[in-house]
Structure formats: C-alpha cells, structure tokens
C-alpha cells in the first residue's frame, strides 16, 4: 500500500513585529494557526496558499518566497501525516464584504512572544516552528527560497486562477 501524506500550505505573514494568525474551531477545541489549508486537486502550491489566506483572513496574500517544507504527524497510531509548504509574503487590507471560512472565528495580529506563550492553543507544533524559522532566517539575512523553485507542470490546471 502506498503511503500518502496530506499536503497543506501555510502563510507566515509578519507586519510591524506581529504575525497574522487565525482562531479556528477544531475537533480539539478553539486553536490558533497560520492561515493554512489543504492543497486541492488541479491547484498549484502558490495558488493554494493565496486561496487559503483569502478564505481564512479576508486578506489577499502576495507570496514573496518559500520558507520551507515541514513533515509532521500528530500522536496516535491512526493519525495522518501532514506535509506543509510554508510561504512568506505580504497581505493587502482585508476585503470588507468577504466572509471568513466556516469554523474560522477571526484573523488577528499577534507578536511572536505572545504566540509562543499560547502554544497550548496551537493547532500543531508547526505554528511556532514556522514563526521561529522565519525569525531565524530574517535575523541571519538568509533570503527566502525563490517561488520558482516550486515547479507546477502545465498539465495542472489551476481551477481558481486559470492555467499555471
């Protein structure tokens, strides 16, 4: 049998020393996360992170780089494995008439130290790991990985934004 992880995308967005996060209802209660979600069929990774950020925050997202790739599995023998592609970038102002996805309570800005203090509320350990990786890379002057390092074959039709 072929093992297949669940592919997700996440947006790590910092403005003025604060990070954009969402508060969402989950099976484990209310949790904090980056704007994130699953890659859909016929969608590029970049299009997926744009879509998920808009759906969960009402902010249009403009990715400027790829932060990294993360492999994680929650505890439990039957737990799925998640393969997360994290992006960095900027957001525009929230679209005033845009409703947030079902289950998303709100999107808000939080300093890294406050987010760290609330780790018991995180959706996964990847939330803080992505922020810490972002902060380390920025402090060291390491450039983000180029978006063109993520290739999407022309046979993939982006159902949300036209052909890739």
N, C-alpha and C. Protein backbone atom coordinates (compact mmCIF):
# COMPACT_ATOMS: atom_id res chain seq x y z
N UNK A 1 0.84 -1.18 0.00
CA UNK A 1 0.00 0.00 0.00
C UNK A 1 0.89 1.25 0.00
N UNK A 2 0.50 2.24 -0.78
CA UNK A 2 1.27 3.48 -0.88
C UNK A 2 0.85 4.43 0.24
N UNK A 3 1.85 4.95 0.91
CA UNK A 3 1.62 5.93 1.97
C UNK A 3 1.47 7.31 1.33
N UNK A 4 0.45 8.05 1.70
CA UNK A 4 0.21 9.36 1.12
C UNK A 4 -0.03 10.39 2.22
N UNK A 5 0.89 11.36 2.38
CA UNK A 5 0.66 12.40 3.37
C UNK A 5 -0.38 13.39 2.87
N UNK A 6 -0.96 14.14 3.78
CA UNK A 6 -1.89 15.21 3.43
C UNK A 6 -1.06 16.46 3.17
N UNK A 7 -1.19 17.00 1.97
CA UNK A 7 -0.40 18.16 1.59
C UNK A 7 -1.15 19.43 1.99
N UNK A 8 -0.44 20.29 2.73
CA UNK A 8 -1.03 21.55 3.17
C UNK A 8 -0.09 22.70 2.82
N UNK A 9 -0.66 23.90 2.85
CA UNK A 9 0.10 25.13 2.65
C UNK A 9 -0.18 26.04 3.84
N UNK A 10 0.76 26.94 4.12
CA UNK A 10 0.57 27.90 5.20
C UNK A 10 1.25 29.21 4.83
N UNK A 11 0.70 30.32 5.29
CA UNK A 11 1.25 31.64 5.05
C UNK A 11 1.80 32.20 6.36
N UNK A 12 3.07 32.54 6.36
CA UNK A 12 3.71 33.18 7.52
C UNK A 12 3.86 34.65 7.15
N UNK A 13 3.04 35.47 7.79
CA UNK A 13 2.93 36.88 7.41
C UNK A 13 3.24 37.75 8.63
N UNK A 14 4.24 38.59 8.49
CA UNK A 14 4.67 39.46 9.58
C UNK A 14 4.52 40.91 9.15
N UNK A 15 4.00 41.72 10.04
CA UNK A 15 3.87 43.15 9.79
C UNK A 15 4.09 43.88 11.10
N UNK A 16 5.09 44.73 11.13
CA UNK A 16 5.34 45.54 12.32
C UNK A 16 5.62 44.72 13.57
N UNK A 17 6.29 43.56 13.39
CA UNK A 17 6.61 42.73 14.54
C UNK A 17 5.49 41.82 15.01
N UNK A 18 4.40 41.79 14.28
CA UNK A 18 3.28 40.91 14.62
C UNK A 18 2.99 39.96 13.46
N UNK A 19 2.46 38.80 13.80
CA UNK A 19 2.14 37.77 12.81
C UNK A 19 0.63 37.62 12.67
N UNK A 20 0.18 37.43 11.43
CA UNK A 20 -1.23 37.21 11.16
C UNK A 20 -1.56 35.75 11.43
N UNK A 21 -2.48 35.51 12.35
CA UNK A 21 -2.92 34.16 12.68
C UNK A 21 -4.45 34.11 12.66
N UNK A 22 -4.93 32.91 12.67
CA UNK A 22 -6.39 32.71 12.74
C UNK A 22 -6.73 31.93 14.00
N UNK A 23 -7.94 32.13 14.42
CA UNK A 23 -8.50 31.38 15.55
C UNK A 23 -9.62 30.55 14.94
N UNK A 24 -9.52 29.22 15.09
CA UNK A 24 -10.46 28.34 14.41
C UNK A 24 -11.02 27.26 15.32
N UNK A 25 -12.23 26.83 15.00
CA UNK A 25 -12.85 25.71 15.70
C UNK A 25 -12.30 24.41 15.12
N UNK A 26 -11.86 23.51 15.99
CA UNK A 26 -11.36 22.20 15.56
C UNK A 26 -12.01 21.13 16.43
N UNK A 27 -11.75 19.86 16.12
CA UNK A 27 -12.24 18.77 16.95
C UNK A 27 -11.66 18.82 18.36
N UNK A 28 -10.50 19.51 18.50
CA UNK A 28 -9.85 19.64 19.80
C UNK A 28 -10.15 20.97 20.48
N UNK A 29 -11.14 21.70 19.98
CA UNK A 29 -11.49 23.00 20.55
C UNK A 29 -10.96 24.14 19.70
N UNK A 30 -10.98 25.34 20.25
CA UNK A 30 -10.52 26.52 19.53
C UNK A 30 -8.99 26.50 19.49
N UNK A 31 -8.42 26.68 18.31
CA UNK A 31 -6.97 26.61 18.12
C UNK A 31 -6.48 27.79 17.30
N UNK A 32 -5.18 28.10 17.45
CA UNK A 32 -4.51 29.13 16.68
C UNK A 32 -3.67 28.48 15.59
N UNK A 33 -3.62 29.13 14.43
CA UNK A 33 -2.86 28.60 13.31
C UNK A 33 -2.48 29.75 12.39
N UNK A 34 -1.51 29.51 11.52
CA UNK A 34 -1.32 30.42 10.40
C UNK A 34 -2.50 30.21 9.45
N UNK A 35 -2.75 31.17 8.57
CA UNK A 35 -3.70 30.86 7.50
C UNK A 35 -3.14 29.65 6.75
N UNK A 36 -3.90 28.59 6.71
CA UNK A 36 -3.38 27.33 6.17
C UNK A 36 -4.53 26.43 5.74
N UNK A 37 -4.19 25.47 4.90
CA UNK A 37 -5.20 24.50 4.49
C UNK A 37 -4.64 23.53 3.49
N UNK A 38 -5.52 22.71 2.97
CA UNK A 38 -5.12 21.61 2.08
C UNK A 38 -5.01 22.05 0.63
N UNK A 39 -4.05 21.46 -0.05
CA UNK A 39 -3.90 21.62 -1.48
C UNK A 39 -5.05 20.88 -2.15
N UNK A 40 -5.71 21.55 -3.09
CA UNK A 40 -6.82 20.93 -3.80
C UNK A 40 -6.35 20.40 -5.15
N UNK A 41 -7.07 19.43 -5.67
CA UNK A 41 -6.74 18.87 -7.00
C UNK A 41 -6.75 19.98 -8.04
N UNK A 42 -5.77 19.95 -8.95
CA UNK A 42 -5.71 20.92 -10.01
C UNK A 42 -5.23 22.29 -9.58
N UNK A 43 -4.51 22.36 -8.48
CA UNK A 43 -4.11 23.65 -7.91
C UNK A 43 -2.60 23.65 -7.66
N UNK A 44 -1.93 24.75 -7.95
CA UNK A 44 -0.52 24.88 -7.62
C UNK A 44 -0.39 25.21 -6.13
N UNK A 45 0.78 24.98 -5.58
CA UNK A 45 1.02 25.31 -4.17
C UNK A 45 0.84 26.80 -3.92
N UNK A 46 1.36 27.63 -4.81
CA UNK A 46 1.25 29.08 -4.64
C UNK A 46 -0.21 29.53 -4.70
N UNK A 47 -0.97 28.98 -5.63
CA UNK A 47 -2.40 29.33 -5.71
C UNK A 47 -3.14 28.87 -4.46
N UNK A 48 -2.76 27.70 -3.94
CA UNK A 48 -3.42 27.18 -2.74
C UNK A 48 -3.20 28.11 -1.54
N UNK A 49 -1.98 28.61 -1.36
CA UNK A 49 -1.72 29.47 -0.20
C UNK A 49 -2.41 30.83 -0.38
N UNK A 50 -2.50 31.31 -1.59
CA UNK A 50 -3.26 32.56 -1.83
C UNK A 50 -4.73 32.36 -1.47
N UNK A 51 -5.30 31.24 -1.96
CA UNK A 51 -6.71 30.95 -1.72
C UNK A 51 -6.99 30.77 -0.24
N UNK A 52 -6.20 29.93 0.43
CA UNK A 52 -6.43 29.66 1.84
C UNK A 52 -6.33 30.93 2.70
N UNK A 53 -5.34 31.76 2.40
CA UNK A 53 -5.19 33.00 3.17
C UNK A 53 -6.39 33.90 2.98
N UNK A 54 -6.85 34.04 1.75
CA UNK A 54 -8.03 34.86 1.49
C UNK A 54 -9.26 34.28 2.19
N UNK A 55 -9.46 32.98 2.08
CA UNK A 55 -10.64 32.34 2.70
C UNK A 55 -10.64 32.46 4.21
N UNK A 56 -9.47 32.40 4.83
CA UNK A 56 -9.41 32.36 6.30
C UNK A 56 -9.19 33.72 6.95
N UNK A 57 -8.72 34.71 6.18
CA UNK A 57 -8.44 36.02 6.78
C UNK A 57 -9.14 37.18 6.09
N UNK A 58 -9.65 36.98 4.88
CA UNK A 58 -10.22 38.02 4.02
C UNK A 58 -9.15 38.96 3.48
N UNK A 59 -7.87 38.66 3.73
CA UNK A 59 -6.76 39.46 3.20
C UNK A 59 -6.23 38.81 1.93
N UNK A 60 -6.09 39.56 0.83
CA UNK A 60 -5.38 39.00 -0.33
C UNK A 60 -3.90 38.83 0.02
N UNK A 61 -3.33 37.68 -0.33
CA UNK A 61 -1.95 37.35 0.01
C UNK A 61 -1.09 37.35 -1.23
N UNK A 62 0.08 37.99 -1.14
CA UNK A 62 1.05 38.02 -2.22
C UNK A 62 2.32 37.32 -1.73
N UNK A 63 2.49 36.03 -2.05
CA UNK A 63 3.69 35.33 -1.60
C UNK A 63 4.94 35.93 -2.24
N UNK A 64 6.00 36.05 -1.44
CA UNK A 64 7.26 36.57 -1.96
C UNK A 64 8.37 35.52 -1.88
N UNK A 65 8.13 34.45 -1.14
CA UNK A 65 9.13 33.40 -1.03
C UNK A 65 8.59 32.18 -0.34
N UNK A 66 9.39 31.15 -0.38
CA UNK A 66 9.07 29.86 0.22
C UNK A 66 9.93 29.73 1.46
N UNK A 67 9.31 29.60 2.62
CA UNK A 67 10.03 29.49 3.88
C UNK A 67 10.63 28.10 4.07
N UNK A 68 9.86 27.06 3.79
CA UNK A 68 10.35 25.70 3.97
C UNK A 68 9.24 24.68 3.87
N UNK A 69 9.63 23.44 4.04
CA UNK A 69 8.71 22.30 3.98
C UNK A 69 8.81 21.55 5.30
N UNK A 70 7.68 21.13 5.83
CA UNK A 70 7.61 20.55 7.16
C UNK A 70 6.80 19.26 7.12
N UNK A 71 7.31 18.23 7.74
CA UNK A 71 6.63 16.94 7.81
C UNK A 71 6.28 16.69 9.27
N UNK A 72 5.00 16.44 9.55
CA UNK A 72 4.55 16.29 10.93
C UNK A 72 3.42 15.26 11.00
N UNK A 73 3.41 14.54 12.10
CA UNK A 73 2.34 13.59 12.37
C UNK A 73 1.92 13.73 13.82
N UNK A 74 0.63 13.96 14.08
CA UNK A 74 0.15 14.00 15.46
C UNK A 74 0.33 12.65 16.12
N UNK A 75 0.26 12.63 17.43
CA UNK A 75 0.35 11.36 18.15
C UNK A 75 -0.86 10.50 17.84
N UNK A 76 -0.68 9.21 17.92
CA UNK A 76 -1.77 8.28 17.65
C UNK A 76 -1.46 7.42 16.45
N UNK A 77 -1.71 6.15 16.59
CA UNK A 77 -1.35 5.19 15.55
C UNK A 77 -2.06 5.45 14.24
N UNK A 78 -3.28 5.97 14.28
CA UNK A 78 -4.06 6.17 13.07
C UNK A 78 -3.99 7.61 12.56
N UNK A 79 -3.16 8.43 13.15
CA UNK A 79 -3.09 9.85 12.77
C UNK A 79 -2.47 9.99 11.38
N UNK A 80 -3.01 10.91 10.57
CA UNK A 80 -2.42 11.15 9.26
C UNK A 80 -1.12 11.94 9.39
N UNK A 81 -0.30 11.88 8.37
CA UNK A 81 0.92 12.67 8.30
C UNK A 81 0.65 13.87 7.41
N UNK A 82 1.17 15.03 7.81
CA UNK A 82 0.97 16.26 7.07
C UNK A 82 2.29 16.73 6.48
N UNK A 83 2.26 17.12 5.23
CA UNK A 83 3.40 17.71 4.53
C UNK A 83 3.02 19.16 4.24
N UNK A 84 3.65 20.09 4.97
CA UNK A 84 3.30 21.52 4.90
C UNK A 84 4.35 22.29 4.11
N UNK A 85 3.86 23.07 3.16
CA UNK A 85 4.70 24.02 2.43
C UNK A 85 4.37 25.40 2.97
N UNK A 86 5.35 26.05 3.60
CA UNK A 86 5.13 27.36 4.21
C UNK A 86 5.71 28.46 3.34
N UNK A 87 4.92 29.50 3.16
CA UNK A 87 5.28 30.64 2.33
C UNK A 87 5.35 31.90 3.18
N UNK A 88 6.15 32.85 2.74
CA UNK A 88 6.19 34.18 3.34
C UNK A 88 5.68 35.17 2.30
N UNK A 89 5.22 36.31 2.78
CA UNK A 89 4.73 37.33 1.87
C UNK A 89 3.99 38.42 2.62
N UNK A 90 3.28 39.20 1.85
CA UNK A 90 2.53 40.33 2.40
C UNK A 90 1.05 40.17 2.09
N UNK A 91 0.25 40.86 2.87
CA UNK A 91 -1.19 40.88 2.61
C UNK A 91 -1.64 42.31 2.38
N UNK A 92 -2.69 42.42 1.59
CA UNK A 92 -3.37 43.69 1.43
C UNK A 92 -4.35 43.87 2.57
N UNK A 93 -5.08 44.94 2.51
CA UNK A 93 -6.10 45.18 3.53
C UNK A 93 -7.22 44.16 3.37
N UNK A 94 -7.90 43.82 4.47
CA UNK A 94 -8.98 42.83 4.36
C UNK A 94 -10.11 43.36 3.47
N UNK A 95 -10.67 42.46 2.70
CA UNK A 95 -11.80 42.82 1.85
C UNK A 95 -13.04 42.94 2.72
N UNK A 96 -13.68 44.09 2.74
CA UNK A 96 -14.73 44.36 3.73
C UNK A 96 -15.95 43.45 3.65
N UNK A 97 -16.31 42.98 2.48
CA UNK A 97 -17.51 42.15 2.33
C UNK A 97 -17.20 40.66 2.28
N UNK A 98 -15.95 40.31 2.54
CA UNK A 98 -15.52 38.91 2.43
C UNK A 98 -15.77 38.19 3.76
N UNK A 99 -16.61 37.15 3.74
CA UNK A 99 -16.85 36.34 4.93
C UNK A 99 -15.70 35.35 5.10
N UNK A 100 -15.37 35.04 6.34
CA UNK A 100 -14.34 34.04 6.63
C UNK A 100 -14.92 32.65 6.47
N UNK A 101 -14.06 31.69 6.16
CA UNK A 101 -14.48 30.28 6.04
C UNK A 101 -15.24 29.84 7.29
N UNK A 102 -16.10 28.86 7.09
CA UNK A 102 -16.81 28.27 8.22
C UNK A 102 -15.80 27.69 9.20
N UNK A 103 -15.99 27.96 10.48
CA UNK A 103 -15.09 27.46 11.50
C UNK A 103 -13.98 28.43 11.87
N UNK A 104 -13.77 29.45 11.06
CA UNK A 104 -12.78 30.47 11.38
C UNK A 104 -13.48 31.55 12.20
N UNK A 105 -13.03 31.72 13.42
CA UNK A 105 -13.65 32.73 14.29
C UNK A 105 -13.17 34.13 13.98
N UNK A 106 -11.85 34.26 13.76
CA UNK A 106 -11.30 35.58 13.46
C UNK A 106 -9.86 35.44 12.99
N UNK A 107 -9.38 36.49 12.36
CA UNK A 107 -7.97 36.63 11.99
C UNK A 107 -7.47 37.83 12.77
N UNK A 108 -6.25 37.72 13.31
CA UNK A 108 -5.71 38.83 14.09
C UNK A 108 -4.19 38.80 14.08
N UNK A 109 -3.59 39.92 14.48
CA UNK A 109 -2.14 40.08 14.52
C UNK A 109 -1.66 39.89 15.95
N UNK A 110 -0.56 39.15 16.10
CA UNK A 110 -0.04 38.83 17.43
C UNK A 110 1.50 38.83 17.40
N UNK A 111 2.15 39.42 18.40
CA UNK A 111 3.61 39.34 18.46
C UNK A 111 4.07 37.90 18.69
N UNK A 112 5.27 37.58 18.22
CA UNK A 112 5.81 36.22 18.33
C UNK A 112 5.88 35.76 19.78
N UNK A 113 6.26 36.65 20.72
CA UNK A 113 6.37 36.22 22.12
C UNK A 113 5.01 35.88 22.71
N UNK A 114 3.96 36.60 22.32
CA UNK A 114 2.61 36.26 22.80
C UNK A 114 2.14 34.94 22.17
N UNK A 115 2.44 34.75 20.90
CA UNK A 115 2.09 33.48 20.25
C UNK A 115 2.80 32.33 20.93
N UNK A 116 4.07 32.51 21.24
CA UNK A 116 4.85 31.48 21.94
C UNK A 116 4.24 31.16 23.31
N UNK A 117 3.76 32.17 24.01
CA UNK A 117 3.17 31.97 25.32
C UNK A 117 1.84 31.22 25.25
N UNK A 118 1.26 31.13 24.06
CA UNK A 118 -0.04 30.46 23.89
C UNK A 118 0.09 29.13 23.14
N UNK A 119 1.24 28.46 23.26
CA UNK A 119 1.48 27.24 22.50
C UNK A 119 0.46 26.13 22.77
N UNK A 120 -0.11 26.10 23.95
CA UNK A 120 -1.12 25.09 24.25
C UNK A 120 -2.35 25.24 23.36
N UNK A 121 -2.52 26.41 22.75
CA UNK A 121 -3.66 26.68 21.88
C UNK A 121 -3.34 26.47 20.40
N UNK A 122 -2.10 26.14 20.07
CA UNK A 122 -1.72 25.99 18.66
C UNK A 122 -2.33 24.75 18.03
N UNK A 123 -2.67 24.85 16.78
CA UNK A 123 -3.24 23.72 16.04
C UNK A 123 -2.23 22.59 15.92
N UNK A 124 -0.95 22.96 15.79
CA UNK A 124 0.12 21.97 15.70
C UNK A 124 1.42 22.63 16.12
N UNK A 125 2.47 21.82 16.35
CA UNK A 125 3.77 22.41 16.67
C UNK A 125 4.38 23.15 15.48
N UNK A 126 3.82 22.99 14.30
CA UNK A 126 4.33 23.68 13.12
C UNK A 126 4.07 25.18 13.17
N UNK A 127 3.07 25.60 13.93
CA UNK A 127 2.76 27.03 14.03
C UNK A 127 3.98 27.80 14.54
N UNK A 128 4.51 27.41 15.68
CA UNK A 128 5.64 28.13 16.26
C UNK A 128 6.92 27.82 15.50
N UNK A 129 7.07 26.60 15.01
CA UNK A 129 8.27 26.25 14.26
C UNK A 129 8.41 27.15 13.03
N UNK A 130 7.31 27.39 12.32
CA UNK A 130 7.37 28.26 11.14
C UNK A 130 7.73 29.69 11.52
N UNK A 131 7.16 30.20 12.60
CA UNK A 131 7.48 31.56 13.04
C UNK A 131 8.95 31.63 13.45
N UNK A 132 9.41 30.65 14.21
CA UNK A 132 10.82 30.65 14.63
C UNK A 132 11.76 30.55 13.42
N UNK A 133 11.43 29.73 12.44
CA UNK A 133 12.25 29.62 11.24
C UNK A 133 12.27 30.95 10.48
N UNK A 134 11.12 31.60 10.40
CA UNK A 134 11.02 32.90 9.76
C UNK A 134 11.94 33.91 10.46
N UNK A 135 11.84 33.96 11.80
CA UNK A 135 12.64 34.92 12.57
C UNK A 135 14.13 34.64 12.44
N UNK A 136 14.53 33.36 12.47
CA UNK A 136 15.94 32.99 12.31
C UNK A 136 16.47 33.39 10.93
N UNK A 137 15.69 33.11 9.91
CA UNK A 137 16.11 33.44 8.55
C UNK A 137 16.24 34.95 8.38
N UNK A 138 15.27 35.68 8.88
CA UNK A 138 15.32 37.14 8.76
C UNK A 138 16.52 37.71 9.51
N UNK A 139 16.76 37.22 10.73
CA UNK A 139 17.88 37.72 11.54
C UNK A 139 19.24 37.41 10.90
N UNK A 140 19.34 36.28 10.21
CA UNK A 140 20.62 35.89 9.60
C UNK A 140 20.81 36.50 8.22
N UNK A 141 19.77 37.11 7.70
CA UNK A 141 19.85 37.68 6.35
C UNK A 141 19.70 36.65 5.26
N UNK A 142 19.30 35.42 5.64
CA UNK A 142 19.11 34.37 4.62
C UNK A 142 17.90 34.73 3.76
N UNK A 143 18.08 34.73 2.45
CA UNK A 143 16.92 35.04 1.60
C UNK A 143 15.92 33.89 1.61
N UNK A 144 14.67 34.22 1.34
CA UNK A 144 13.66 33.17 1.20
C UNK A 144 13.99 32.36 -0.04
N UNK A 145 13.53 31.15 -0.06
CA UNK A 145 13.68 30.33 -1.27
C UNK A 145 12.78 30.93 -2.35
N UNK A 146 13.27 30.93 -3.56
CA UNK A 146 12.52 31.53 -4.67
C UNK A 146 11.27 30.71 -4.99
N UNK A 147 10.20 31.41 -5.32
CA UNK A 147 8.95 30.73 -5.65
C UNK A 147 9.11 29.85 -6.89
N UNK A 148 10.01 30.21 -7.79
CA UNK A 148 10.17 29.39 -8.99
C UNK A 148 10.87 28.06 -8.70
N UNK A 149 11.29 27.86 -7.44
CA UNK A 149 11.83 26.56 -7.05
C UNK A 149 10.70 25.53 -6.93
N UNK A 150 9.47 26.00 -6.89
CA UNK A 150 8.30 25.11 -6.83
C UNK A 150 7.70 25.04 -8.23
N UNK A 151 7.96 23.98 -8.91
CA UNK A 151 7.52 23.82 -10.29
C UNK A 151 6.13 23.19 -10.32
N UNK A 152 5.28 23.74 -11.17
CA UNK A 152 3.96 23.16 -11.43
C UNK A 152 3.89 22.84 -12.91
N UNK A 153 3.73 21.58 -13.24
CA UNK A 153 3.65 21.13 -14.62
C UNK A 153 2.42 21.74 -15.30
N UNK A 154 2.53 21.97 -16.60
CA UNK A 154 1.45 22.61 -17.35
C UNK A 154 0.17 21.77 -17.40
N UNK A 155 0.27 20.48 -17.08
CA UNK A 155 -0.94 19.64 -17.06
C UNK A 155 -1.82 19.93 -15.85
N UNK A 156 -1.26 20.62 -14.87
CA UNK A 156 -2.05 21.01 -13.70
C UNK A 156 -2.82 22.25 -14.06
N UNK A 157 -4.13 22.16 -14.04
CA UNK A 157 -4.98 23.30 -14.34
C UNK A 157 -5.39 23.90 -13.01
N UNK A 158 -5.07 25.14 -12.82
CA UNK A 158 -5.44 25.82 -11.58
C UNK A 158 -6.91 26.23 -11.70
N UNK A 159 -7.75 25.55 -10.99
CA UNK A 159 -9.19 25.77 -11.08
C UNK A 159 -9.62 27.10 -10.47
N UNK A 160 -8.71 27.76 -9.75
CA UNK A 160 -9.07 29.02 -9.10
C UNK A 160 -8.58 30.25 -9.85
N UNK A 161 -7.50 30.13 -10.59
CA UNK A 161 -6.89 31.30 -11.22
C UNK A 161 -6.47 31.06 -12.67
N UNK A 162 -7.02 30.09 -13.34
CA UNK A 162 -6.62 29.81 -14.71
C UNK A 162 -5.43 28.86 -14.76
N UNK A 163 -4.94 28.60 -15.95
CA UNK A 163 -3.82 27.67 -16.12
C UNK A 163 -2.55 28.19 -15.48
N UNK A 164 -1.73 27.26 -14.95
CA UNK A 164 -0.43 27.63 -14.37
C UNK A 164 0.62 27.70 -15.42
